[in-house]
Amino acid sequence: MIQTENLTLATEWDKTFSKSDLVSHKKVTFPNRYGITLAADLYIPKDAEDKLAAIAVCGPFGAVKEQCSGLYAQTLAERGFLTLAFDPSFTGESGGQPRYMASPDINTEDFMAAVDFLSLHERVDAERIGICGICGWGGMALNAAALDTRVKATVASTMYDMTRVNANGYFDSEDSEEARHAKREAMCAQRLADLRAGEYALGGGVVDPLPADAPSFVADYYDYYKTPRGYHPRSLNSNGGWNVIGCQSFMNQPILRYSNEIRTAVLVMHGDAAHSCYFGRDAYANMVDGNAYTDNKELLIIPGATHTDLYDGGSTGAIPWDKVGGFYQQYL
C-alpha cells in the first residue's frame, strides 16, 4: 500500500499574483516514489469540456508554487490547459524530512510524480502531458524529459543547470579541481558541524539588505524575492535559503548527460540580458548535438529580458505567453 503524509495546507488564496476568474483552483497532494507527499495547486479552465492536455510546472529553485510557477500554471490554464504547480520535496507545503534539502534524483522524480498524478486524473488526456521548469527547475525539466517518455512537450524558462553552477560556480569561474576540492572540504566540515549542533545550518536566501555594489542579477533577485512583487513566507529564497549542505550532491552529478536523446518537443527560452543565458544556450546546443529529433526543438532568445523578467514578466511583460501557449497547443 502506497502511504502518503498528512500535510497541512493553506486554505486561503496566498499567491503573489491575483486569482483568475477564468479557472477553478484547488489544492491536491500526491506521492513520489520515495514516499514523499507533494503539495500542489491544480488549475482547470472553467469552460472546459472533455479531457484536457495537462502541464506540470515547478520552479524557480528555492521558490514555492505561490510564486511564479503558480502564475505560469494559472495563465496556461486560462489558455485551455489543466495545470499543476507543485512544491518540490522538502520545501513549501510538500513533505519530506529534513527540510530544505535538494537532490538531482529526487527533484527529477518530483516532476515524474507530477506526471503520474496527471496521467491518472479523470480530466486529463494521458497522451497529452507536458512539463514546464523555471530557473533551476528548467534543468530538472530537461532531465525529466530525457527520462520520462510520457512527457510530450517541455518548456525550460530562464533555466539554470544546477549541477554546473554548483560544481563550476557562476560563469564557470570556479571550474577547477582545486576550487571543487575546497568546496568539498567545506561541505564535509559543515556536515559534522550540523551534527554537533543538532540542526542544519541555513545558507541564507537572497541577500538582505542589498549591498550597494551588488551585481545587477543579485539586485534583480532582491527586487523579486524580497519585495511585495514576489515575497512569500514559505519561499526559501525570500527567507533563510537552503541548508548549507542542501545542494552538496549537485557537485558530482551532471543532470543533462542524455538530453540529446530527448525525442519530444522542447522550447528553451531565455532573456539575452539574463546573467544565466549561457545555461540556456549551452543546454540547447548540447540537446541538439547528435540528436536525431531536432525539428521539434527551439531556442528562443528574448531581447532585453533579464533572468527574473521571465519569472512574472517584469516591468515590460517579457514572458511570451502566446509563444508558450502555442508551443504546447502544437505538441500536446
C-alpha atoms as a PDB file:
ATOM      1  CA  MET A   1       0.000   0.000   0.000  1.00  0.00           C
ATOM      2  CA  ILE A   2       1.451   3.348  -1.046  1.00  0.00           C
ATOM      3  CA  GLN A   3       1.438   5.606   2.000  1.00  0.00           C
ATOM      4  CA  THR A   4       1.068   9.366   1.962  1.00  0.00           C
ATOM      5  CA  GLU A   5       1.866  12.002   4.562  1.00  0.00           C
ATOM      6  CA  ASN A   6      -0.777  14.151   6.163  1.00  0.00           C
ATOM      7  CA  LEU A   7       0.069  17.685   5.084  1.00  0.00           C
ATOM      8  CA  THR A   8      -1.297  20.921   6.468  1.00  0.00           C
ATOM      9  CA  LEU A   9      -2.247  23.097   3.503  1.00  0.00           C
ATOM     10  CA  ALA A  10      -3.223  26.751   3.446  1.00  0.00           C
ATOM     11  CA  THR A  11      -6.889  27.280   2.628  1.00  0.00           C
ATOM     12  CA  GLU A  12      -6.742  30.983   1.752  1.00  0.00           C
ATOM     13  CA  TRP A  13      -5.536  32.451  -1.546  1.00  0.00           C
ATOM     14  CA  ASP A  14      -1.956  33.337  -0.591  1.00  0.00           C
ATOM     15  CA  LYS A  15      -0.326  33.731  -4.003  1.00  0.00           C
ATOM     16  CA  THR A  16       1.857  36.580  -5.214  1.00  0.00           C
ATOM     17  CA  PHE A  17      -0.497  37.029  -8.191  1.00  0.00           C
ATOM     18  CA  SER A  18      -4.224  37.728  -8.487  1.00  0.00           C
ATOM     19  CA  LYS A  19      -6.737  34.906  -8.748  1.00  0.00           C
ATOM     20  CA  SER A  20      -8.239  34.417 -12.199  1.00  0.00           C
ATOM     21  CA  ASP A  21     -11.990  34.289 -12.729  1.00  0.00           C
ATOM     22  CA  LEU A  22     -11.478  32.042 -15.746  1.00  0.00           C
ATOM     23  CA  VAL A  23     -10.159  28.964 -13.958  1.00  0.00           C
ATOM     24  CA  SER A  24     -11.086  26.861 -10.957  1.00  0.00           C
ATOM     25  CA  HIS A  25      -8.434  26.157  -8.330  1.00  0.00           C
ATOM     26  CA  LYS A  26      -7.923  23.602  -5.596  1.00  0.00           C
ATOM     27  CA  LYS A  27      -5.152  22.088  -3.528  1.00  0.00           C
ATOM     28  CA  VAL A  28      -4.107  18.485  -4.214  1.00  0.00           C
ATOM     29  CA  THR A  29      -1.435  16.082  -2.956  1.00  0.00           C
ATOM     30  CA  PHE A  30       0.353  13.094  -4.484  1.00  0.00           C
ATOM     31  CA  PRO A  31       3.328  10.850  -3.576  1.00  0.00           C
ATOM     32  CA  ASN A  32       6.630  10.411  -5.354  1.00  0.00           C
ATOM     33  CA  ARG A  33       8.418   7.062  -5.490  1.00  0.00           C
ATOM     34  CA  TYR A  34      10.474   7.937  -2.410  1.00  0.00           C
ATOM     35  CA  GLY A  35       7.329   8.137  -0.303  1.00  0.00           C
ATOM     36  CA  ILE A  36       7.381  11.928  -0.072  1.00  0.00           C
ATOM     37  CA  THR A  37       3.980  13.563  -0.454  1.00  0.00           C
ATOM     38  CA  LEU A  38       3.970  16.648  -2.649  1.00  0.00           C
ATOM     39  CA  ALA A  39       1.551  19.558  -2.367  1.00  0.00           C
ATOM     40  CA  ALA A  40       0.255  21.294  -5.467  1.00  0.00           C
ATOM     41  CA  ASP A  41      -2.243  23.763  -6.866  1.00  0.00           C
ATOM     42  CA  LEU A  42      -4.494  22.388  -9.591  1.00  0.00           C
ATOM     43  CA  TYR A  43      -5.909  24.837 -12.138  1.00  0.00           C
ATOM     44  CA  ILE A  44      -8.719  23.862 -14.539  1.00  0.00           C
ATOM     45  CA  PRO A  45     -10.377  26.107 -17.162  1.00  0.00           C
ATOM     46  CA  LYS A  46     -13.940  26.770 -16.036  1.00  0.00           C
ATOM     47  CA  ASP A  47     -15.437  26.383 -19.506  1.00  0.00           C
ATOM     48  CA  ALA A  48     -13.521  23.211 -20.354  1.00  0.00           C
ATOM     49  CA  GLU A  49     -15.239  20.069 -21.546  1.00  0.00           C
ATOM     50  CA  ASP A  50     -13.957  16.554 -22.079  1.00  0.00           C
ATOM     51  CA  LYS A  51     -10.382  15.578 -21.300  1.00  0.00           C
ATOM     52  CA  LEU A  52      -7.640  18.168 -21.468  1.00  0.00           C
ATOM     53  CA  ALA A  53      -3.966  18.443 -22.250  1.00  0.00           C
ATOM     54  CA  ALA A  54      -2.097  18.958 -18.982  1.00  0.00           C
ATOM     55  CA  ILE A  55       1.103  20.675 -17.853  1.00  0.00           C
ATOM     56  CA  ALA A  56       3.086  20.297 -14.606  1.00  0.00           C
ATOM     57  CA  VAL A  57       5.014  23.412 -13.558  1.00  0.00           C
ATOM     58  CA  CYS A  58       7.764  23.946 -10.985  1.00  0.00           C
ATOM     59  CA  GLY A  59      10.423  26.476 -10.077  1.00  0.00           C
ATOM     60  CA  PRO A  60      12.399  28.590  -9.576  1.00  0.00           C
ATOM     61  CA  PHE A  61      14.965  26.807  -7.436  1.00  0.00           C
ATOM     62  CA  GLY A  62      14.167  27.877  -3.885  1.00  0.00           C
ATOM     63  CA  ALA A  63      10.736  29.286  -4.745  1.00  0.00           C
ATOM     64  CA  VAL A  64       7.264  27.943  -3.983  1.00  0.00           C
ATOM     65  CA  LYS A  65       4.142  27.309  -6.027  1.00  0.00           C
ATOM     66  CA  GLU A  66       2.579  30.515  -4.738  1.00  0.00           C
ATOM     67  CA  GLN A  67       5.154  32.474  -6.741  1.00  0.00           C
ATOM     68  CA  CYS A  68       5.878  32.327 -10.455  1.00  0.00           C
ATOM     69  CA  SER A  69       5.233  28.614 -11.086  1.00  0.00           C
ATOM     70  CA  GLY A  70       1.667  29.254  -9.973  1.00  0.00           C
ATOM     71  CA  LEU A  71       1.477  32.267 -12.274  1.00  0.00           C
ATOM     72  CA  TYR A  72       2.646  30.141 -15.201  1.00  0.00           C
ATOM     73  CA  ALA A  73       0.151  27.415 -14.283  1.00  0.00           C
ATOM     74  CA  GLN A  74      -2.814  29.752 -13.902  1.00  0.00           C
ATOM     75  CA  THR A  75      -2.017  31.652 -17.103  1.00  0.00           C
ATOM     76  CA  LEU A  76      -1.703  28.422 -19.098  1.00  0.00           C
ATOM     77  CA  ALA A  77      -4.981  27.213 -17.589  1.00  0.00           C
ATOM     78  CA  GLU A  78      -6.582  30.399 -18.907  1.00  0.00           C
ATOM     79  CA  ARG A  79      -5.409  29.184 -22.324  1.00  0.00           C
ATOM     80  CA  GLY A  80      -7.209  25.871 -22.015  1.00  0.00           C
ATOM     81  CA  PHE A  81      -4.795  23.518 -20.266  1.00  0.00           C
ATOM     82  CA  LEU A  82      -5.253  21.669 -16.999  1.00  0.00           C
ATOM     83  CA  THR A  83      -2.200  22.660 -14.992  1.00  0.00           C
ATOM     84  CA  LEU A  84      -0.426  21.668 -11.803  1.00  0.00           C
ATOM     85  CA  ALA A  85       2.024  23.884  -9.912  1.00  0.00           C
ATOM     86  CA  PHE A  86       3.804  21.879  -7.212  1.00  0.00           C
ATOM     87  CA  ASP A  87       6.255  22.398  -4.370  1.00  0.00           C
ATOM     88  CA  PRO A  88       9.367  20.196  -4.598  1.00  0.00           C
ATOM     89  CA  SER A  89      10.243  17.649  -1.937  1.00  0.00           C
ATOM     90  CA  PHE A  90      11.460  19.106   1.383  1.00  0.00           C
ATOM     91  CA  THR A  91      10.133  22.607   0.599  1.00  0.00           C
ATOM     92  CA  GLY A  92       6.979  24.705   0.726  1.00  0.00           C
ATOM     93  CA  GLU A  93       3.878  22.759   1.723  1.00  0.00           C
ATOM     94  CA  SER A  94       5.296  19.464   0.430  1.00  0.00           C
ATOM     95  CA  GLY A  95       6.535  16.756   2.757  1.00  0.00           C
ATOM     96  CA  GLY A  96       9.952  15.248   3.280  1.00  0.00           C
ATOM     97  CA  GLN A  97      12.479  15.441   6.111  1.00  0.00           C
ATOM     98  CA  PRO A  98      14.843  17.048   6.782  1.00  0.00           C
ATOM     99  CA  ARG A  99      13.625  20.312   5.350  1.00  0.00           C
ATOM    100  CA  TYR A 100      15.382  22.468   2.751  1.00  0.00           C
ATOM    101  CA  MET A 101      17.400  19.753   1.066  1.00  0.00           C
ATOM    102  CA  ALA A 102      17.744  19.270  -2.702  1.00  0.00           C
ATOM    103  CA  SER A 103      18.641  16.272  -4.837  1.00  0.00           C
ATOM    104  CA  PRO A 104      19.149  15.914  -8.609  1.00  0.00           C
ATOM    105  CA  ASP A 105      17.494  12.496  -8.403  1.00  0.00           C
ATOM    106  CA  ILE A 106      14.598  13.255  -6.054  1.00  0.00           C
ATOM    107  CA  ASN A 107      13.807  16.569  -7.705  1.00  0.00           C
ATOM    108  CA  THR A 108      13.708  14.942 -11.147  1.00  0.00           C
ATOM    109  CA  GLU A 109      11.419  12.329  -9.611  1.00  0.00           C
ATOM    110  CA  ASP A 110       9.168  15.129  -8.350  1.00  0.00           C
ATOM    111  CA  PHE A 111       8.406  16.044 -11.969  1.00  0.00           C
ATOM    112  CA  MET A 112       7.761  12.395 -12.822  1.00  0.00           C
ATOM    113  CA  ALA A 113       5.430  12.045  -9.832  1.00  0.00           C
ATOM    114  CA  ALA A 114       3.501  15.064 -11.103  1.00  0.00           C
ATOM    115  CA  VAL A 115       3.197  13.291 -14.457  1.00  0.00           C
ATOM    116  CA  ASP A 116       1.909  10.219 -12.581  1.00  0.00           C
ATOM    117  CA  PHE A 117      -0.770  12.342 -10.939  1.00  0.00           C
ATOM    118  CA  LEU A 118      -1.816  13.990 -14.180  1.00  0.00           C
ATOM    119  CA  SER A 119      -1.817  10.700 -16.108  1.00  0.00           C
ATOM    120  CA  LEU A 120      -4.389   9.245 -13.725  1.00  0.00           C
ATOM    121  CA  HIS A 121      -6.552  12.364 -13.379  1.00  0.00           C
ATOM    122  CA  GLU A 122     -10.059  11.909 -14.784  1.00  0.00           C
ATOM    123  CA  ARG A 123      -9.948  15.238 -16.633  1.00  0.00           C
ATOM    124  CA  VAL A 124      -6.583  14.632 -18.337  1.00  0.00           C
ATOM    125  CA  ASP A 125      -5.774  13.073 -21.697  1.00  0.00           C
ATOM    126  CA  ALA A 126      -2.770  10.992 -20.618  1.00  0.00           C
ATOM    127  CA  GLU A 127      -1.276  11.147 -24.113  1.00  0.00           C
ATOM    128  CA  ARG A 128      -1.072  14.954 -23.939  1.00  0.00           C
ATOM    129  CA  ILE A 129       1.083  15.833 -20.920  1.00  0.00           C
ATOM    130  CA  GLY A 130       3.812  18.459 -20.807  1.00  0.00           C
ATOM    131  CA  ILE A 131       6.076  19.988 -18.166  1.00  0.00           C
ATOM    132  CA  CYS A 132       7.479  23.456 -17.548  1.00  0.00           C
ATOM    133  CA  GLY A 133      10.531  24.224 -15.422  1.00  0.00           C
ATOM    134  CA  ILE A 134      11.615  27.718 -14.406  1.00  0.00           C
ATOM    135  CA  CYS A 135      15.160  28.723 -13.381  1.00  0.00           C
ATOM    136  CA  GLY A 136      16.846  25.729 -11.682  1.00  0.00           C
ATOM    137  CA  TRP A 137      13.809  23.667 -12.467  1.00  0.00           C
ATOM    138  CA  GLY A 138      14.364  24.287 -16.170  1.00  0.00           C
ATOM    139  CA  GLY A 139      17.347  21.958 -15.944  1.00  0.00           C
ATOM    140  CA  MET A 140      15.302  19.480 -13.916  1.00  0.00           C
ATOM    141  CA  ALA A 141      12.577  19.599 -16.581  1.00  0.00           C
ATOM    142  CA  LEU A 142      15.086  18.719 -19.314  1.00  0.00           C
ATOM    143  CA  ASN A 143      16.407  15.880 -17.163  1.00  0.00           C
ATOM    144  CA  ALA A 144      12.853  14.610 -16.602  1.00  0.00           C
ATOM    145  CA  ALA A 145      12.078  14.872 -20.324  1.00  0.00           C
ATOM    146  CA  ALA A 146      15.133  12.708 -21.066  1.00  0.00           C
ATOM    147  CA  LEU A 147      13.867  10.055 -18.637  1.00  0.00           C
ATOM    148  CA  ASP A 148      10.063  10.173 -18.852  1.00  0.00           C
ATOM    149  CA  THR A 149       8.670   9.103 -22.228  1.00  0.00           C
ATOM    150  CA  ARG A 150       5.174  10.206 -21.165  1.00  0.00           C
ATOM    151  CA  VAL A 151       6.251  13.855 -21.395  1.00  0.00           C
ATOM    152  CA  LYS A 152       5.351  15.132 -24.845  1.00  0.00           C
ATOM    153  CA  ALA A 153       6.422  18.785 -24.578  1.00  0.00           C
ATOM    154  CA  THR A 154       8.823  20.646 -22.286  1.00  0.00           C
ATOM    155  CA  VAL A 155       9.460  24.344 -21.681  1.00  0.00           C
ATOM    156  CA  ALA A 156      12.641  25.386 -19.858  1.00  0.00           C
ATOM    157  CA  SER A 157      12.286  29.061 -18.936  1.00  0.00           C
ATOM    158  CA  THR A 158      15.270  31.219 -17.842  1.00  0.00           C
ATOM    159  CA  MET A 159      16.963  27.959 -16.857  1.00  0.00           C
ATOM    160  CA  TYR A 160      19.895  27.123 -14.619  1.00  0.00           C
ATOM    161  CA  ASP A 161      21.868  23.902 -14.772  1.00  0.00           C
ATOM    162  CA  MET A 162      22.148  23.471 -11.004  1.00  0.00           C
ATOM    163  CA  THR A 163      24.816  20.788 -11.256  1.00  0.00           C
ATOM    164  CA  ARG A 164      27.012  23.025 -13.396  1.00  0.00           C
ATOM    165  CA  VAL A 165      26.697  26.124 -11.225  1.00  0.00           C
ATOM    166  CA  ASN A 166      27.376  24.152  -8.039  1.00  0.00           C
ATOM    167  CA  ALA A 167      30.428  22.420  -9.499  1.00  0.00           C
ATOM    168  CA  ASN A 168      31.833  25.305 -11.536  1.00  0.00           C
ATOM    169  CA  GLY A 169      30.489  28.465  -9.931  1.00  0.00           C
ATOM    170  CA  TYR A 170      28.845  31.318 -11.802  1.00  0.00           C
ATOM    171  CA  PHE A 171      30.141  31.768 -15.353  1.00  0.00           C
ATOM    172  CA  ASP A 172      32.356  28.696 -14.755  1.00  0.00           C
ATOM    173  CA  SER A 173      34.703  30.919 -12.745  1.00  0.00           C
ATOM    174  CA  GLU A 174      35.459  28.085 -10.282  1.00  0.00           C
ATOM    175  CA  ASP A 175      35.884  25.295 -12.823  1.00  0.00           C
ATOM    176  CA  SER A 176      38.999  23.669 -11.418  1.00  0.00           C
ATOM    177  CA  GLU A 177      39.863  20.635  -9.343  1.00  0.00           C
ATOM    178  CA  GLU A 178      41.332  22.893  -6.668  1.00  0.00           C
ATOM    179  CA  ALA A 179      38.184  25.007  -6.335  1.00  0.00           C
ATOM    180  CA  ARG A 180      35.937  21.954  -6.231  1.00  0.00           C
ATOM    181  CA  HIS A 181      38.162  20.297  -3.645  1.00  0.00           C
ATOM    182  CA  ALA A 182      37.864  23.352  -1.407  1.00  0.00           C
ATOM    183  CA  LYS A 183      34.073  23.228  -1.720  1.00  0.00           C
ATOM    184  CA  ARG A 184      34.028  19.520  -0.908  1.00  0.00           C
ATOM    185  CA  GLU A 185      36.153  20.081   2.177  1.00  0.00           C
ATOM    186  CA  ALA A 186      33.866  22.878   3.360  1.00  0.00           C
ATOM    187  CA  MET A 187      30.737  20.797   2.826  1.00  0.00           C
ATOM    188  CA  CYS A 188      32.156  17.804   4.682  1.00  0.00           C
ATOM    189  CA  ALA A 189      33.164  20.020   7.598  1.00  0.00           C
ATOM    190  CA  GLN A 190      29.676  21.536   7.632  1.00  0.00           C
ATOM    191  CA  ARG A 191      28.084  18.078   7.856  1.00  0.00           C
ATOM    192  CA  LEU A 192      29.920  17.461  11.131  1.00  0.00           C
ATOM    193  CA  ALA A 193      29.151  20.939  12.421  1.00  0.00           C
ATOM    194  CA  ASP A 194      25.445  20.340  11.769  1.00  0.00           C
ATOM    195  CA  LEU A 195      25.508  17.003  13.588  1.00  0.00           C
ATOM    196  CA  ARG A 196      27.275  18.524  16.569  1.00  0.00           C
ATOM    197  CA  ALA A 197      24.768  21.382  16.670  1.00  0.00           C
ATOM    198  CA  GLY A 198      21.806  19.050  16.259  1.00  0.00           C
ATOM    199  CA  GLU A 199      20.367  21.093  13.417  1.00  0.00           C
ATOM    200  CA  TYR A 200      21.119  22.029   9.828  1.00  0.00           C
ATOM    201  CA  ALA A 201      22.569  25.495   9.264  1.00  0.00           C
ATOM    202  CA  LEU A 202      20.827  27.591   6.635  1.00  0.00           C
ATOM    203  CA  GLY A 203      22.851  29.070   3.828  1.00  0.00           C
ATOM    204  CA  GLY A 204      20.801  32.255   3.633  1.00  0.00           C
ATOM    205  CA  GLY A 205      18.323  33.309   0.963  1.00  0.00           C
ATOM    206  CA  VAL A 206      18.636  36.370  -1.246  1.00  0.00           C
ATOM    207  CA  VAL A 207      20.917  38.881   0.456  1.00  0.00           C
ATOM    208  CA  ASP A 208      19.129  41.485   2.574  1.00  0.00           C
ATOM    209  CA  PRO A 209      19.870  44.341   2.887  1.00  0.00           C
ATOM    210  CA  LEU A 210      21.084  44.681  -0.670  1.00  0.00           C
ATOM    211  CA  PRO A 211      24.721  45.830  -0.822  1.00  0.00           C
ATOM    212  CA  ALA A 212      25.339  48.967  -2.843  1.00  0.00           C
ATOM    213  CA  ASP A 213      27.865  47.117  -5.010  1.00  0.00           C
ATOM    214  CA  ALA A 214      25.719  44.016  -5.589  1.00  0.00           C
ATOM    215  CA  PRO A 215      25.826  42.599  -9.135  1.00  0.00           C
ATOM    216  CA  SER A 216      22.789  43.510 -11.219  1.00  0.00           C
ATOM    217  CA  PHE A 217      21.425  39.974 -11.164  1.00  0.00           C
ATOM    218  CA  VAL A 218      21.550  39.918  -7.351  1.00  0.00           C
ATOM    219  CA  ALA A 219      19.625  43.200  -7.349  1.00  0.00           C
ATOM    220  CA  ASP A 220      17.092  41.571  -9.692  1.00  0.00           C
ATOM    221  CA  TYR A 221      16.685  38.668  -7.287  1.00  0.00           C
ATOM    222  CA  TYR A 222      16.203  41.089  -4.402  1.00  0.00           C
ATOM    223  CA  ASP A 223      13.568  43.008  -6.358  1.00  0.00           C
ATOM    224  CA  TYR A 224      11.595  39.813  -6.873  1.00  0.00           C
ATOM    225  CA  TYR A 225      12.051  37.767  -3.713  1.00  0.00           C
ATOM    226  CA  LYS A 226      12.395  40.485  -1.080  1.00  0.00           C
ATOM    227  CA  THR A 227       9.672  42.933  -2.140  1.00  0.00           C
ATOM    228  CA  PRO A 228       5.878  42.626  -2.394  1.00  0.00           C
ATOM    229  CA  ARG A 229       6.357  41.748  -6.057  1.00  0.00           C
ATOM    230  CA  GLY A 230       7.364  38.174  -5.219  1.00  0.00           C
ATOM    231  CA  TYR A 231       7.944  37.729  -1.487  1.00  0.00           C
ATOM    232  CA  HIS A 232       6.329  34.684   0.102  1.00  0.00           C
ATOM    233  CA  PRO A 233       6.787  33.468   3.694  1.00  0.00           C
ATOM    234  CA  ARG A 234       7.336  29.843   2.600  1.00  0.00           C
ATOM    235  CA  SER A 235       9.881  30.673  -0.116  1.00  0.00           C
ATOM    236  CA  LEU A 236      13.455  29.696   0.715  1.00  0.00           C
ATOM    237  CA  ASN A 237      14.841  32.469  -1.456  1.00  0.00           C
ATOM    238  CA  SER A 238      12.645  35.046   0.274  1.00  0.00           C
ATOM    239  CA  ASN A 239      13.854  33.908   3.701  1.00  0.00           C
ATOM    240  CA  GLY A 240      16.665  31.739   5.111  1.00  0.00           C
ATOM    241  CA  GLY A 241      17.524  29.764   1.980  1.00  0.00           C
ATOM    242  CA  TRP A 242      18.572  26.148   1.565  1.00  0.00           C
ATOM    243  CA  ASN A 243      20.611  24.274   4.123  1.00  0.00           C
ATOM    244  CA  VAL A 244      24.324  24.911   3.632  1.00  0.00           C
ATOM    245  CA  ILE A 245      24.743  21.248   2.654  1.00  0.00           C
ATOM    246  CA  GLY A 246      21.398  21.139   0.854  1.00  0.00           C
ATOM    247  CA  CYS A 247      22.888  21.002  -2.643  1.00  0.00           C
ATOM    248  CA  GLN A 248      26.061  19.019  -1.923  1.00  0.00           C
ATOM    249  CA  SER A 249      25.308  16.144  -4.303  1.00  0.00           C
ATOM    250  CA  PHE A 250      24.802  18.515  -7.243  1.00  0.00           C
ATOM    251  CA  MET A 251      28.588  18.983  -7.412  1.00  0.00           C
ATOM    252  CA  ASN A 252      29.104  15.392  -8.512  1.00  0.00           C
ATOM    253  CA  GLN A 253      26.067  14.580 -10.668  1.00  0.00           C
ATOM    254  CA  PRO A 254      25.540  16.299 -14.039  1.00  0.00           C
ATOM    255  CA  ILE A 255      21.829  16.181 -14.889  1.00  0.00           C
ATOM    256  CA  LEU A 256      21.891  16.812 -18.647  1.00  0.00           C
ATOM    257  CA  ARG A 257      24.058  13.873 -19.754  1.00  0.00           C
ATOM    258  CA  TYR A 258      21.386  12.377 -22.009  1.00  0.00           C
ATOM    259  CA  SER A 259      19.499  15.499 -23.039  1.00  0.00           C
ATOM    260  CA  ASN A 260      20.445  14.858 -26.678  1.00  0.00           C
ATOM    261  CA  GLU A 261      18.302  11.720 -26.538  1.00  0.00           C
ATOM    262  CA  ILE A 262      15.096  13.674 -25.881  1.00  0.00           C
ATOM    263  CA  ARG A 263      12.783  12.825 -28.765  1.00  0.00           C
ATOM    264  CA  THR A 264       9.859  15.014 -27.758  1.00  0.00           C
ATOM    265  CA  ALA A 265       9.344  18.749 -28.227  1.00  0.00           C
ATOM    266  CA  VAL A 266      11.414  21.228 -26.191  1.00  0.00           C
ATOM    267  CA  LEU A 267      11.358  25.025 -26.016  1.00  0.00           C
ATOM    268  CA  VAL A 268      14.262  26.658 -24.200  1.00  0.00           C
ATOM    269  CA  MET A 269      13.624  30.373 -23.652  1.00  0.00           C
ATOM    270  CA  HIS A 270      15.935  32.943 -22.098  1.00  0.00           C
ATOM    271  CA  GLY A 271      16.399  36.676 -21.968  1.00  0.00           C
ATOM    272  CA  ASP A 272      19.550  37.944 -23.640  1.00  0.00           C
ATOM    273  CA  ALA A 273      20.127  40.311 -20.698  1.00  0.00           C
ATOM    274  CA  ALA A 274      19.970  37.441 -18.198  1.00  0.00           C
ATOM    275  CA  HIS A 275      23.177  36.537 -16.375  1.00  0.00           C
ATOM    276  CA  SER A 276      22.043  32.922 -16.760  1.00  0.00           C
ATOM    277  CA  CYS A 277      21.577  32.979 -20.531  1.00  0.00           C
ATOM    278  CA  TYR A 278      24.677  30.853 -21.059  1.00  0.00           C
ATOM    279  CA  PHE A 279      22.928  27.962 -19.310  1.00  0.00           C
ATOM    280  CA  GLY A 280      20.065  28.036 -21.806  1.00  0.00           C
ATOM    281  CA  ARG A 281      22.253  28.492 -24.872  1.00  0.00           C
ATOM    282  CA  ASP A 282      24.607  25.665 -23.863  1.00  0.00           C
ATOM    283  CA  ALA A 283      21.798  23.331 -22.788  1.00  0.00           C
ATOM    284  CA  TYR A 284      20.107  23.788 -26.146  1.00  0.00           C
ATOM    285  CA  ALA A 285      23.352  23.239 -28.059  1.00  0.00           C
ATOM    286  CA  ASN A 286      24.068  20.060 -26.111  1.00  0.00           C
ATOM    287  CA  MET A 287      20.491  18.841 -26.551  1.00  0.00           C
ATOM    288  CA  VAL A 288      20.568  19.054 -30.352  1.00  0.00           C
ATOM    289  CA  ASP A 289      24.142  17.806 -30.771  1.00  0.00           C
ATOM    290  CA  GLY A 290      23.836  14.370 -32.326  1.00  0.00           C
ATOM    291  CA  ASN A 291      20.088  14.265 -31.661  1.00  0.00           C
ATOM    292  CA  ALA A 292      18.060  12.648 -34.437  1.00  0.00           C
ATOM    293  CA  TYR A 293      14.999  14.632 -33.315  1.00  0.00           C
ATOM    294  CA  THR A 294      15.752  18.334 -33.759  1.00  0.00           C
ATOM    295  CA  ASP A 295      12.770  19.575 -35.783  1.00  0.00           C
ATOM    296  CA  ASN A 296      10.760  19.927 -32.548  1.00  0.00           C
ATOM    297  CA  LYS A 297      13.492  21.721 -30.570  1.00  0.00           C
ATOM    298  CA  GLU A 298      13.727  25.521 -30.313  1.00  0.00           C
ATOM    299  CA  LEU A 299      15.861  28.122 -28.555  1.00  0.00           C
ATOM    300  CA  LEU A 300      14.024  31.409 -28.044  1.00  0.00           C
ATOM    301  CA  ILE A 301      16.144  34.395 -27.001  1.00  0.00           C
ATOM    302  CA  ILE A 302      14.074  37.340 -25.756  1.00  0.00           C
ATOM    303  CA  PRO A 303      15.716  40.730 -26.367  1.00  0.00           C
ATOM    304  CA  GLY A 304      16.306  42.858 -23.290  1.00  0.00           C
ATOM    305  CA  ALA A 305      14.852  40.395 -20.790  1.00  0.00           C
ATOM    306  CA  THR A 306      16.689  39.680 -17.547  1.00  0.00           C
ATOM    307  CA  HIS A 307      16.590  36.429 -15.604  1.00  0.00           C
ATOM    308  CA  THR A 308      13.768  37.487 -13.289  1.00  0.00           C
ATOM    309  CA  ASP A 309      11.778  39.169 -16.076  1.00  0.00           C
ATOM    310  CA  LEU A 310      10.755  35.640 -17.060  1.00  0.00           C
ATOM    311  CA  TYR A 311       9.509  34.974 -13.527  1.00  0.00           C
ATOM    312  CA  ASP A 312       6.494  37.250 -13.805  1.00  0.00           C
ATOM    313  CA  GLY A 313       7.033  39.400 -16.883  1.00  0.00           C
ATOM    314  CA  GLY A 314       8.891  42.145 -15.045  1.00  0.00           C
ATOM    315  CA  SER A 315       8.030  45.722 -15.969  1.00  0.00           C
ATOM    316  CA  THR A 316       7.814  45.013 -19.687  1.00  0.00           C
ATOM    317  CA  GLY A 317       5.629  41.897 -19.845  1.00  0.00           C
ATOM    318  CA  ALA A 318       8.605  39.883 -21.067  1.00  0.00           C
ATOM    319  CA  ILE A 319       7.037  36.404 -20.895  1.00  0.00           C
ATOM    320  CA  PRO A 320       5.882  35.470 -24.435  1.00  0.00           C
ATOM    321  CA  TRP A 321       2.620  33.840 -23.395  1.00  0.00           C
ATOM    322  CA  ASP A 322       1.361  33.458 -26.968  1.00  0.00           C
ATOM    323  CA  LYS A 323       4.548  31.631 -27.902  1.00  0.00           C
ATOM    324  CA  VAL A 324       4.472  29.358 -24.859  1.00  0.00           C
ATOM    325  CA  GLY A 325       0.771  28.593 -25.232  1.00  0.00           C
ATOM    326  CA  GLY A 326       1.162  27.994 -28.949  1.00  0.00           C
ATOM    327  CA  PHE A 327       4.076  25.629 -28.358  1.00  0.00           C
ATOM    328  CA  TYR A 328       2.001  23.470 -26.022  1.00  0.00           C
ATOM    329  CA  GLN A 329      -1.014  23.627 -28.336  1.00  0.00           C
ATOM    330  CA  GLN A 330       1.148  22.403 -31.198  1.00  0.00           C
ATOM    331  CA  TYR A 331       2.759  19.496 -29.400  1.00  0.00           C
ATOM    332  CA  LEU A 332       0.125  18.380 -26.880  1.00  0.00           C
END
